């Protein structure tokens, strides 16, 4: 049999576990409410959440009292969870909302910075492309002129091209 001090310690650890589970439950509810999941994805997320919660509870039970389950263990976890829901939860949700607003603000700043950097880099590439086109103009202008001349000539000889295509199809 465990000493009274050890049982008191285990009781307090389990109350803290109940509070922790309440906090994780609030975080999950908050995220779930923001994502708007429905149907099968929601059920999968719920299942994954409860598997994680069960693993955390078992791990804490294993560390604190070698996973010995007694009635006061369940009562203390339940008491910690209820304490969180009744006393801490509303304030914690407000903190989560403030954290969300801060993260959205930071994300907007990052997007603005990325947009500015993108515009600077795009402008630099446009200038480089313009400089290259100016440098290569003596080479590209004659080629473009010849190509456009050849293209115009090919339009006027399109009747001959059509006749050749018809003859080649007969084979």
N, C-alpha and C. Protein backbone atom coordinates (compact mmCIF):
# COMPACT_ATOMS: atom_id res chain seq x y z
N UNK A 1 0.83 -1.17 0.00
CA UNK A 1 0.00 0.00 0.00
C UNK A 1 0.88 1.24 0.00
N UNK A 2 0.46 2.25 -0.77
CA UNK A 2 1.23 3.49 -0.87
C UNK A 2 1.00 4.36 0.36
N UNK A 3 2.00 5.18 0.64
CA UNK A 3 1.86 6.10 1.77
C UNK A 3 0.88 7.21 1.41
N UNK A 4 0.41 7.90 2.40
CA UNK A 4 -0.56 8.97 2.20
C UNK A 4 0.06 10.12 1.40
N UNK A 5 1.33 10.41 1.65
CA UNK A 5 2.01 11.49 0.92
C UNK A 5 2.11 11.15 -0.57
N UNK A 6 2.42 9.89 -0.86
CA UNK A 6 2.51 9.46 -2.25
C UNK A 6 1.15 9.53 -2.93
N UNK A 7 0.11 9.11 -2.23
CA UNK A 7 -1.23 9.19 -2.80
C UNK A 7 -1.66 10.64 -3.01
N UNK A 8 -1.27 11.52 -2.10
CA UNK A 8 -1.55 12.95 -2.26
C UNK A 8 -0.84 13.51 -3.48
N UNK A 9 0.42 13.10 -3.65
CA UNK A 9 1.19 13.53 -4.83
C UNK A 9 0.52 13.04 -6.11
N UNK A 10 0.14 11.76 -6.12
CA UNK A 10 -0.51 11.20 -7.30
C UNK A 10 -1.83 11.92 -7.57
N UNK A 11 -2.58 12.22 -6.51
CA UNK A 11 -3.84 12.95 -6.67
C UNK A 11 -3.60 14.30 -7.32
N UNK A 12 -2.61 15.04 -6.86
CA UNK A 12 -2.32 16.37 -7.43
C UNK A 12 -1.83 16.26 -8.88
N UNK A 13 -1.04 15.23 -9.17
CA UNK A 13 -0.58 15.02 -10.54
C UNK A 13 -1.78 14.73 -11.45
N UNK A 14 -2.72 13.95 -10.97
CA UNK A 14 -3.89 13.61 -11.78
C UNK A 14 -4.82 14.82 -11.95
N UNK A 15 -4.92 15.67 -10.94
CA UNK A 15 -5.68 16.92 -11.11
C UNK A 15 -5.01 17.79 -12.17
N UNK A 16 -3.68 17.87 -12.13
CA UNK A 16 -2.96 18.63 -13.14
C UNK A 16 -3.15 18.00 -14.52
N UNK A 17 -3.20 16.67 -14.57
CA UNK A 17 -3.47 15.99 -15.83
C UNK A 17 -4.86 16.35 -16.34
N UNK A 18 -5.84 16.39 -15.47
CA UNK A 18 -7.19 16.78 -15.86
C UNK A 18 -7.22 18.19 -16.42
N UNK A 19 -6.48 19.09 -15.79
CA UNK A 19 -6.40 20.48 -16.29
C UNK A 19 -5.73 20.50 -17.65
N UNK A 20 -4.64 19.75 -17.80
CA UNK A 20 -3.94 19.67 -19.08
C UNK A 20 -4.86 19.12 -20.17
N UNK A 21 -5.61 18.06 -19.85
CA UNK A 21 -6.53 17.50 -20.83
C UNK A 21 -7.62 18.51 -21.19
N UNK A 22 -8.06 19.30 -20.21
CA UNK A 22 -9.03 20.36 -20.49
C UNK A 22 -8.46 21.42 -21.42
N UNK A 23 -7.21 21.79 -21.20
CA UNK A 23 -6.55 22.78 -22.07
C UNK A 23 -6.44 22.22 -23.49
N UNK A 24 -5.99 20.98 -23.61
CA UNK A 24 -5.88 20.37 -24.94
C UNK A 24 -7.25 20.26 -25.61
N UNK A 25 -8.27 19.96 -24.83
CA UNK A 25 -9.62 19.88 -25.37
C UNK A 25 -10.08 21.25 -25.87
N UNK A 26 -9.79 22.31 -25.11
CA UNK A 26 -10.14 23.66 -25.56
C UNK A 26 -9.40 24.04 -26.84
N UNK A 27 -8.11 23.71 -26.92
CA UNK A 27 -7.34 24.01 -28.13
C UNK A 27 -7.93 23.25 -29.32
N UNK A 28 -8.26 21.99 -29.11
CA UNK A 28 -8.85 21.21 -30.19
C UNK A 28 -10.20 21.77 -30.62
N UNK A 29 -11.04 22.12 -29.65
CA UNK A 29 -12.35 22.71 -29.99
C UNK A 29 -12.17 24.02 -30.75
N UNK A 30 -11.21 24.82 -30.34
CA UNK A 30 -10.96 26.11 -30.99
C UNK A 30 -10.53 25.90 -32.45
N UNK A 31 -9.56 25.01 -32.64
CA UNK A 31 -9.07 24.74 -34.00
C UNK A 31 -10.16 24.11 -34.85
N UNK A 32 -10.90 23.16 -34.27
CA UNK A 32 -11.97 22.50 -35.00
C UNK A 32 -13.04 23.51 -35.41
N UNK A 33 -13.35 24.46 -34.54
CA UNK A 33 -14.34 25.48 -34.88
C UNK A 33 -13.87 26.41 -35.99
N UNK A 34 -12.58 26.64 -36.07
CA UNK A 34 -12.03 27.55 -37.10
C UNK A 34 -11.90 26.87 -38.45
N UNK A 35 -11.71 25.55 -38.47
CA UNK A 35 -11.51 24.86 -39.74
C UNK A 35 -12.81 24.50 -40.43
N UNK A 36 -13.87 24.32 -39.67
CA UNK A 36 -15.16 23.99 -40.27
C UNK A 36 -15.21 22.60 -40.88
N UNK A 37 -14.49 21.65 -40.30
CA UNK A 37 -14.51 20.28 -40.81
C UNK A 37 -15.89 19.67 -40.59
N UNK A 38 -16.29 18.83 -41.54
CA UNK A 38 -17.55 18.11 -41.42
C UNK A 38 -17.37 16.70 -41.97
N UNK A 39 -18.23 15.81 -41.52
CA UNK A 39 -18.24 14.46 -42.06
C UNK A 39 -17.06 13.62 -41.63
N UNK A 40 -16.57 12.82 -42.56
CA UNK A 40 -15.50 11.87 -42.28
C UNK A 40 -14.21 12.53 -41.78
N UNK A 41 -13.74 13.64 -42.38
CA UNK A 41 -12.53 14.27 -41.84
C UNK A 41 -12.68 14.68 -40.37
N UNK A 42 -13.87 15.15 -40.00
CA UNK A 42 -14.11 15.52 -38.61
C UNK A 42 -14.03 14.30 -37.70
N UNK A 43 -14.63 13.20 -38.13
CA UNK A 43 -14.60 11.98 -37.32
C UNK A 43 -13.17 11.45 -37.18
N UNK A 44 -12.40 11.54 -38.26
CA UNK A 44 -11.00 11.10 -38.20
C UNK A 44 -10.21 11.98 -37.23
N UNK A 45 -10.40 13.28 -37.30
CA UNK A 45 -9.69 14.19 -36.40
C UNK A 45 -10.10 13.94 -34.94
N UNK A 46 -11.40 13.71 -34.71
CA UNK A 46 -11.86 13.39 -33.35
C UNK A 46 -11.19 12.12 -32.84
N UNK A 47 -11.14 11.11 -33.68
CA UNK A 47 -10.50 9.86 -33.28
C UNK A 47 -9.03 10.04 -32.97
N UNK A 48 -8.33 10.77 -33.83
CA UNK A 48 -6.90 11.02 -33.61
C UNK A 48 -6.70 11.81 -32.32
N UNK A 49 -7.56 12.81 -32.08
CA UNK A 49 -7.45 13.61 -30.85
C UNK A 49 -7.59 12.72 -29.62
N UNK A 50 -8.60 11.86 -29.61
CA UNK A 50 -8.82 11.04 -28.42
C UNK A 50 -7.74 9.98 -28.26
N UNK A 51 -7.17 9.50 -29.34
CA UNK A 51 -6.04 8.57 -29.22
C UNK A 51 -4.84 9.29 -28.58
N UNK A 52 -4.60 10.53 -29.03
CA UNK A 52 -3.49 11.31 -28.45
C UNK A 52 -3.74 11.60 -26.98
N UNK A 53 -4.97 11.99 -26.64
CA UNK A 53 -5.31 12.28 -25.24
C UNK A 53 -5.14 11.02 -24.38
N UNK A 54 -5.59 9.90 -24.89
CA UNK A 54 -5.45 8.64 -24.15
C UNK A 54 -3.98 8.29 -23.95
N UNK A 55 -3.16 8.50 -24.98
CA UNK A 55 -1.72 8.21 -24.87
C UNK A 55 -1.07 9.13 -23.83
N UNK A 56 -1.43 10.41 -23.84
CA UNK A 56 -0.87 11.34 -22.86
C UNK A 56 -1.27 10.93 -21.45
N UNK A 57 -2.57 10.61 -21.27
CA UNK A 57 -3.05 10.21 -19.94
C UNK A 57 -2.34 8.94 -19.47
N UNK A 58 -2.20 7.97 -20.35
CA UNK A 58 -1.52 6.73 -19.97
C UNK A 58 -0.06 6.99 -19.62
N UNK A 59 0.60 7.84 -20.41
CA UNK A 59 2.01 8.15 -20.15
C UNK A 59 2.18 8.79 -18.78
N UNK A 60 1.30 9.75 -18.46
CA UNK A 60 1.38 10.41 -17.14
C UNK A 60 1.07 9.41 -16.03
N UNK A 61 0.07 8.57 -16.26
CA UNK A 61 -0.24 7.54 -15.26
C UNK A 61 0.95 6.60 -15.07
N UNK A 62 1.59 6.23 -16.16
CA UNK A 62 2.74 5.33 -16.08
C UNK A 62 3.89 5.98 -15.32
N UNK A 63 4.14 7.25 -15.56
CA UNK A 63 5.24 7.93 -14.87
C UNK A 63 4.94 8.18 -13.40
N UNK A 64 3.69 8.47 -13.09
CA UNK A 64 3.39 8.87 -11.71
C UNK A 64 3.14 7.70 -10.78
N UNK A 65 2.44 6.65 -11.25
CA UNK A 65 2.14 5.54 -10.34
C UNK A 65 2.12 4.18 -11.03
N UNK A 66 2.94 4.00 -12.03
CA UNK A 66 3.05 2.74 -12.76
C UNK A 66 1.71 2.29 -13.32
N UNK A 67 0.88 3.24 -13.71
CA UNK A 67 -0.42 3.03 -14.36
C UNK A 67 -1.38 2.20 -13.52
N UNK A 68 -1.28 2.34 -12.21
CA UNK A 68 -2.25 1.67 -11.34
C UNK A 68 -3.52 2.51 -11.33
N UNK A 69 -4.61 1.89 -11.72
CA UNK A 69 -5.88 2.60 -11.79
C UNK A 69 -6.68 2.36 -10.52
N UNK A 70 -7.03 3.47 -9.89
CA UNK A 70 -7.88 3.42 -8.69
C UNK A 70 -8.96 4.48 -8.86
N UNK A 71 -9.97 4.37 -8.04
CA UNK A 71 -11.11 5.28 -8.16
C UNK A 71 -10.68 6.73 -7.99
N UNK A 72 -9.82 7.02 -7.03
CA UNK A 72 -9.42 8.41 -6.81
C UNK A 72 -8.62 8.97 -8.00
N UNK A 73 -8.00 8.10 -8.80
CA UNK A 73 -7.30 8.55 -10.00
C UNK A 73 -8.31 9.15 -10.98
N UNK A 74 -9.38 8.40 -11.24
CA UNK A 74 -10.41 8.89 -12.16
C UNK A 74 -11.08 10.14 -11.61
N UNK A 75 -11.36 10.14 -10.31
CA UNK A 75 -12.01 11.31 -9.70
C UNK A 75 -11.11 12.55 -9.78
N UNK A 76 -9.82 12.37 -9.56
CA UNK A 76 -8.92 13.52 -9.61
C UNK A 76 -8.75 14.05 -11.03
N UNK A 77 -8.68 13.16 -12.03
CA UNK A 77 -8.61 13.63 -13.42
C UNK A 77 -9.88 14.37 -13.78
N UNK A 78 -11.03 13.79 -13.39
CA UNK A 78 -12.31 14.43 -13.65
C UNK A 78 -12.41 15.77 -12.93
N UNK A 79 -11.93 15.85 -11.68
CA UNK A 79 -11.97 17.10 -10.92
C UNK A 79 -11.11 18.17 -11.60
N UNK A 80 -9.93 17.78 -12.08
CA UNK A 80 -9.07 18.74 -12.78
C UNK A 80 -9.70 19.23 -14.07
N UNK A 81 -10.34 18.31 -14.80
CA UNK A 81 -11.01 18.68 -16.05
C UNK A 81 -12.17 19.65 -15.77
N UNK A 82 -12.99 19.32 -14.77
CA UNK A 82 -14.12 20.18 -14.42
C UNK A 82 -13.62 21.53 -13.92
N UNK A 83 -12.55 21.55 -13.13
CA UNK A 83 -11.98 22.82 -12.67
C UNK A 83 -11.57 23.67 -13.86
N UNK A 84 -10.94 23.05 -14.84
CA UNK A 84 -10.54 23.80 -16.03
C UNK A 84 -11.76 24.36 -16.76
N UNK A 85 -12.77 23.52 -16.97
CA UNK A 85 -13.95 23.95 -17.72
C UNK A 85 -14.68 25.07 -16.97
N UNK A 86 -14.80 24.97 -15.66
CA UNK A 86 -15.59 25.94 -14.89
C UNK A 86 -14.81 27.24 -14.63
N UNK A 87 -13.51 27.16 -14.43
CA UNK A 87 -12.74 28.32 -13.98
C UNK A 87 -11.83 28.89 -15.07
N UNK A 88 -11.13 28.05 -15.78
CA UNK A 88 -10.06 28.51 -16.66
C UNK A 88 -10.51 28.65 -18.12
N UNK A 89 -11.45 27.85 -18.56
CA UNK A 89 -11.75 27.70 -19.97
C UNK A 89 -12.08 29.01 -20.68
N UNK A 90 -12.96 29.83 -20.12
CA UNK A 90 -13.36 31.07 -20.80
C UNK A 90 -12.16 32.00 -21.00
N UNK A 91 -11.34 32.14 -19.97
CA UNK A 91 -10.15 32.98 -20.09
C UNK A 91 -9.17 32.40 -21.10
N UNK A 92 -9.05 31.08 -21.10
CA UNK A 92 -8.12 30.42 -22.01
C UNK A 92 -8.56 30.60 -23.46
N UNK A 93 -9.87 30.50 -23.71
CA UNK A 93 -10.39 30.73 -25.07
C UNK A 93 -10.10 32.16 -25.51
N UNK A 94 -10.25 33.13 -24.61
CA UNK A 94 -9.92 34.53 -24.95
C UNK A 94 -8.44 34.67 -25.31
N UNK A 95 -7.59 33.96 -24.57
CA UNK A 95 -6.15 33.98 -24.88
C UNK A 95 -5.91 33.37 -26.25
N UNK A 96 -6.59 32.27 -26.55
CA UNK A 96 -6.44 31.64 -27.87
C UNK A 96 -6.89 32.59 -28.99
N UNK A 97 -7.95 33.32 -28.76
CA UNK A 97 -8.42 34.28 -29.77
C UNK A 97 -7.38 35.38 -29.97
N UNK A 98 -6.78 35.87 -28.89
CA UNK A 98 -5.73 36.89 -29.02
C UNK A 98 -4.51 36.33 -29.75
N UNK A 99 -4.14 35.09 -29.43
CA UNK A 99 -3.01 34.46 -30.12
C UNK A 99 -3.33 34.33 -31.61
N UNK A 100 -4.57 33.95 -31.93
CA UNK A 100 -4.96 33.83 -33.33
C UNK A 100 -4.85 35.18 -34.04
N UNK A 101 -5.30 36.24 -33.40
CA UNK A 101 -5.22 37.57 -34.01
C UNK A 101 -3.76 37.99 -34.23
N UNK A 102 -2.91 37.69 -33.26
CA UNK A 102 -1.49 38.01 -33.39
C UNK A 102 -0.87 37.23 -34.55
N UNK A 103 -1.19 35.94 -34.64
CA UNK A 103 -0.65 35.12 -35.72
C UNK A 103 -1.15 35.59 -37.09
N UNK A 104 -2.41 35.98 -37.17
CA UNK A 104 -2.94 36.52 -38.43
C UNK A 104 -2.23 37.81 -38.79
N UNK A 105 -2.00 38.68 -37.81
CA UNK A 105 -1.28 39.93 -38.05
C UNK A 105 0.14 39.66 -38.54
N UNK A 106 0.82 38.73 -37.88
CA UNK A 106 2.18 38.38 -38.30
C UNK A 106 2.17 37.79 -39.71
N UNK A 107 1.17 36.95 -40.02
CA UNK A 107 1.07 36.35 -41.35
C UNK A 107 0.86 37.44 -42.40
N UNK A 108 0.04 38.44 -42.11
CA UNK A 108 -0.17 39.53 -43.06
C UNK A 108 1.11 40.32 -43.30
N UNK A 109 1.87 40.56 -42.24
CA UNK A 109 3.15 41.26 -42.38
C UNK A 109 4.11 40.44 -43.24
N UNK A 110 4.18 39.14 -42.98
CA UNK A 110 5.07 38.27 -43.76
C UNK A 110 4.66 38.29 -45.23
N UNK A 111 3.35 38.24 -45.49
CA UNK A 111 2.87 38.28 -46.89
C UNK A 111 3.24 39.59 -47.56
N UNK A 112 3.10 40.72 -46.83
CA UNK A 112 3.46 42.01 -47.41
C UNK A 112 4.95 42.08 -47.72
N UNK A 113 5.76 41.59 -46.79
CA UNK A 113 7.21 41.58 -47.00
C UNK A 113 7.56 40.70 -48.20
N UNK A 114 6.93 39.52 -48.28
CA UNK A 114 7.20 38.61 -49.40
C UNK A 114 6.78 39.25 -50.72
N UNK A 115 5.66 39.98 -50.70
CA UNK A 115 5.20 40.64 -51.93
C UNK A 115 6.18 41.73 -52.36
N UNK A 116 6.69 42.48 -51.40
CA UNK A 116 7.68 43.52 -51.73
C UNK A 116 8.94 42.89 -52.29
N UNK A 117 9.41 41.83 -51.65
CA UNK A 117 10.62 41.15 -52.13
C UNK A 117 10.39 40.59 -53.52
N UNK A 118 9.20 39.99 -53.74
CA UNK A 118 8.88 39.46 -55.07
C UNK A 118 8.89 40.57 -56.12
N UNK A 119 8.28 41.71 -55.79
CA UNK A 119 8.25 42.82 -56.75
C UNK A 119 9.66 43.34 -57.05
N UNK A 120 10.51 43.41 -56.04
CA UNK A 120 11.89 43.87 -56.24
C UNK A 120 12.63 42.89 -57.15
N UNK A 121 12.51 41.60 -56.85
CA UNK A 121 13.21 40.59 -57.65
C UNK A 121 12.67 40.58 -59.08
N UNK A 122 11.34 40.71 -59.23
CA UNK A 122 10.75 40.74 -60.58
C UNK A 122 11.24 41.96 -61.35
N UNK A 123 11.33 43.09 -60.67
CA UNK A 123 11.83 44.30 -61.33
C UNK A 123 13.29 44.14 -61.77
N UNK A 124 14.08 43.53 -60.90
CA UNK A 124 15.49 43.29 -61.25
C UNK A 124 15.58 42.39 -62.48
N UNK A 125 14.77 41.33 -62.52
CA UNK A 125 14.79 40.43 -63.68
C UNK A 125 14.29 41.14 -64.94
N UNK A 126 13.31 42.02 -64.81
CA UNK A 126 12.84 42.77 -65.97
C UNK A 126 13.94 43.67 -66.52
N UNK A 127 14.67 44.33 -65.61
CA UNK A 127 15.78 45.20 -66.04
C UNK A 127 16.86 44.36 -66.71
N UNK A 128 17.19 43.22 -66.12
CA UNK A 128 18.21 42.34 -66.71
C UNK A 128 17.77 41.88 -68.09
N UNK A 129 16.49 41.49 -68.22
CA UNK A 129 15.98 41.04 -69.52
C UNK A 129 16.03 42.17 -70.54
N UNK A 130 15.71 43.39 -70.13
CA UNK A 130 15.76 44.53 -71.04
C UNK A 130 17.20 44.80 -71.48
N UNK A 131 18.15 44.77 -70.54
CA UNK A 131 19.56 44.99 -70.87
C UNK A 131 20.05 43.92 -71.84
N UNK A 132 19.68 42.67 -71.59
CA UNK A 132 20.10 41.59 -72.49
C UNK A 132 19.50 41.78 -73.87
N UNK A 133 18.21 42.19 -73.93
CA UNK A 133 17.60 42.40 -75.24
C UNK A 133 18.25 43.56 -75.99
N UNK A 134 18.67 44.58 -75.26
CA UNK A 134 19.37 45.71 -75.90
C UNK A 134 20.73 45.25 -76.42
N UNK A 135 21.43 44.46 -75.62
CA UNK A 135 22.75 43.98 -76.02
C UNK A 135 22.64 43.05 -77.24
N UNK A 136 21.61 42.21 -77.25
CA UNK A 136 21.45 41.25 -78.34
C UNK A 136 20.67 41.80 -79.53
N UNK A 137 20.24 43.05 -79.49
CA UNK A 137 19.45 43.62 -80.56
C UNK A 137 20.13 43.54 -81.93
N UNK A 138 21.44 43.81 -82.03
CA UNK A 138 22.07 43.71 -83.35
C UNK A 138 21.98 42.30 -83.94
N UNK A 139 21.85 41.30 -83.10
CA UNK A 139 21.74 39.92 -83.60
C UNK A 139 20.27 39.57 -83.84
N UNK A 140 19.41 39.95 -82.90
CA UNK A 140 18.01 39.51 -82.98
C UNK A 140 17.21 40.27 -84.03
N UNK A 141 17.52 41.53 -84.27
CA UNK A 141 16.73 42.31 -85.23
C UNK A 141 16.79 41.72 -86.64
N UNK A 142 17.99 41.41 -87.16
CA UNK A 142 18.02 40.81 -88.50
C UNK A 142 17.31 39.45 -88.55
N UNK A 143 17.44 38.67 -87.49
CA UNK A 143 16.79 37.36 -87.47
C UNK A 143 15.28 37.53 -87.48
N UNK A 144 14.76 38.47 -86.67
CA UNK A 144 13.32 38.72 -86.64
C UNK A 144 12.82 39.21 -87.99
N UNK A 145 13.61 40.07 -88.62
CA UNK A 145 13.21 40.61 -89.91
C UNK A 145 13.14 39.49 -90.94
N UNK A 146 14.15 38.63 -90.98
CA UNK A 146 14.14 37.52 -91.92
C UNK A 146 13.00 36.56 -91.65
N UNK A 147 12.73 36.29 -90.38
CA UNK A 147 11.66 35.36 -90.02
C UNK A 147 10.30 35.94 -90.41
N UNK A 148 10.09 37.22 -90.17
CA UNK A 148 8.81 37.82 -90.53
C UNK A 148 8.65 37.86 -92.05
N UNK A 149 9.74 38.09 -92.78
CA UNK A 149 9.69 38.08 -94.24
C UNK A 149 9.35 36.69 -94.75
N UNK A 150 9.99 35.68 -94.16
CA UNK A 150 9.73 34.31 -94.56
C UNK A 150 8.29 33.91 -94.23
N UNK A 151 7.77 34.39 -93.12
CA UNK A 151 6.41 34.10 -92.73
C UNK A 151 5.41 34.71 -93.71
N UNK A 152 5.68 35.96 -94.11
CA UNK A 152 4.79 36.62 -95.08
C UNK A 152 4.83 35.88 -96.41
N UNK A 153 6.01 35.44 -96.82
CA UNK A 153 6.15 34.69 -98.07
C UNK A 153 5.40 33.37 -97.98
N UNK A 154 5.44 32.73 -96.81
CA UNK A 154 4.79 31.43 -96.67
C UNK A 154 3.27 31.57 -96.76
N UNK A 155 2.72 32.71 -96.37
CA UNK A 155 1.28 32.92 -96.50
C UNK A 155 0.87 33.03 -97.96
N UNK A 156 1.71 33.68 -98.75
CA UNK A 156 1.37 33.83 -100.16
C UNK A 156 1.54 32.52 -100.91
N UNK A 157 2.36 31.64 -100.42
CA UNK A 157 2.56 30.34 -101.08
C UNK A 157 1.75 29.25 -100.41
N UNK A 158 0.76 29.63 -99.65
CA UNK A 158 -0.01 28.62 -98.94
C UNK A 158 -0.80 27.73 -99.89
N UNK A 159 -1.17 28.21 -101.08
CA UNK A 159 -1.89 27.39 -102.04
C UNK A 159 -1.00 26.23 -102.48
N UNK A 160 0.27 26.53 -102.73
CA UNK A 160 1.22 25.49 -103.13
C UNK A 160 1.40 24.49 -101.99
N UNK A 161 1.47 24.98 -100.76
CA UNK A 161 1.62 24.11 -99.60
C UNK A 161 0.43 23.19 -99.46
N UNK A 162 -0.78 23.69 -99.69
CA UNK A 162 -1.99 22.87 -99.59
C UNK A 162 -1.99 21.78 -100.66
N UNK A 163 -1.55 22.09 -101.85
CA UNK A 163 -1.51 21.10 -102.92
C UNK A 163 -0.53 19.99 -102.58
N UNK A 164 0.63 20.37 -102.04
CA UNK A 164 1.64 19.38 -101.65
C UNK A 164 1.10 18.48 -100.54
N UNK A 165 0.38 19.06 -99.58
CA UNK A 165 -0.19 18.27 -98.49
C UNK A 165 -1.23 17.29 -99.02
N UNK A 166 -2.05 17.72 -99.97
CA UNK A 166 -3.06 16.82 -100.53
C UNK A 166 -2.41 15.68 -101.29
N UNK A 167 -1.35 15.97 -102.02
CA UNK A 167 -0.65 14.94 -102.76
C UNK A 167 0.02 13.93 -101.82
N UNK A 168 0.55 14.42 -100.72
CA UNK A 168 1.24 13.51 -99.79
C UNK A 168 0.25 12.64 -99.04
N UNK A 169 -1.01 13.05 -98.90
CA UNK A 169 -2.02 12.26 -98.20
C UNK A 169 -2.48 11.08 -99.07
N UNK A 170 -2.38 11.22 -100.38
CA UNK A 170 -2.85 10.17 -101.30
C UNK A 170 -2.00 8.91 -101.23
N UNK A 171 -0.82 9.02 -100.76
CA UNK A 171 0.10 7.86 -100.75
C UNK A 171 -0.35 6.83 -99.83
